[in-house]
């Protein structure tokens, strides 16, 4: 199915254009052609629009919220089990408690990146089929958790170096390396190669990638300010519950946005359609 807005060739029953994010459920009028210097015409190239990424990410997240919640619960199940174990031994064995707290920190980080990796594949499922299988997403994510963790550590070190040494501003590094985790999940490459891959894919689009992070951060700031000034002072328990739920949702929306950026960049730069992206899991 050819997108009537950007001309990208999607698979036959696509619900969303991978080139520009347009909903393909209803036929639209074709775009106006653009005149070239030699008198010929061509369709306008696909664009990476930050606002469109945010809107699509929110829609994808809430359409599949039960699957995303299930992914998060399964990913963080080891954390809950370890917390229960630490509570049981806290009064009898202080040495074991110290070791357990260190292990808990590692498991929390691993669970967080397992969630991000699974959501990357879940976004692909939504784009491909309009539905998400949490089991399939977790199955795709488990084998790459260690690689994802290693890439996240390298990404953090690169951002810290940019911030401290002022060689490259940290926000540019963040934008440059933003799609490393989706690259690992989708292409099954190593941590260092994923960082290089992200740098190549985001080249020429880093300000737009940064705009996505900025808009999500702005939304988070606005919601937090509203909760802290209105809800929490007047209804502390309800305010804390809603604030926690909001943070949870925004984290999921950001993970969805990162995956969506990766798929859109591959469509824009490489012309890879949904079927091509999914073939790694066949």
Foldseek 3Di string as FASTA:
>chain_A
DADLQQRFDAPDPFQADLQAGDGPPDDDHHDDWDADPVRDTDGDFGDLALVSLLVVLLVLCVVAVVLLVVLLCVLCVVLVVLVVVLVVCVVPDVVVNVVSVVVSVVSVLLSLLLSLQLLLVQLLCCRVPVYGDSVVSSVLRVVCSVQSSVLVVVLVVVLVCCVPVVPDHSLLSCLQLLQLSSCCSQVVDGSVVSSVVSNVLCVVPSVSSSVNVVVLVVVLVVLVVCLVVPPCVVPVVVSVVVNVVVVVSSSSSSSSSSSSSVSNSCCRPPVQYSVNRPVVVD
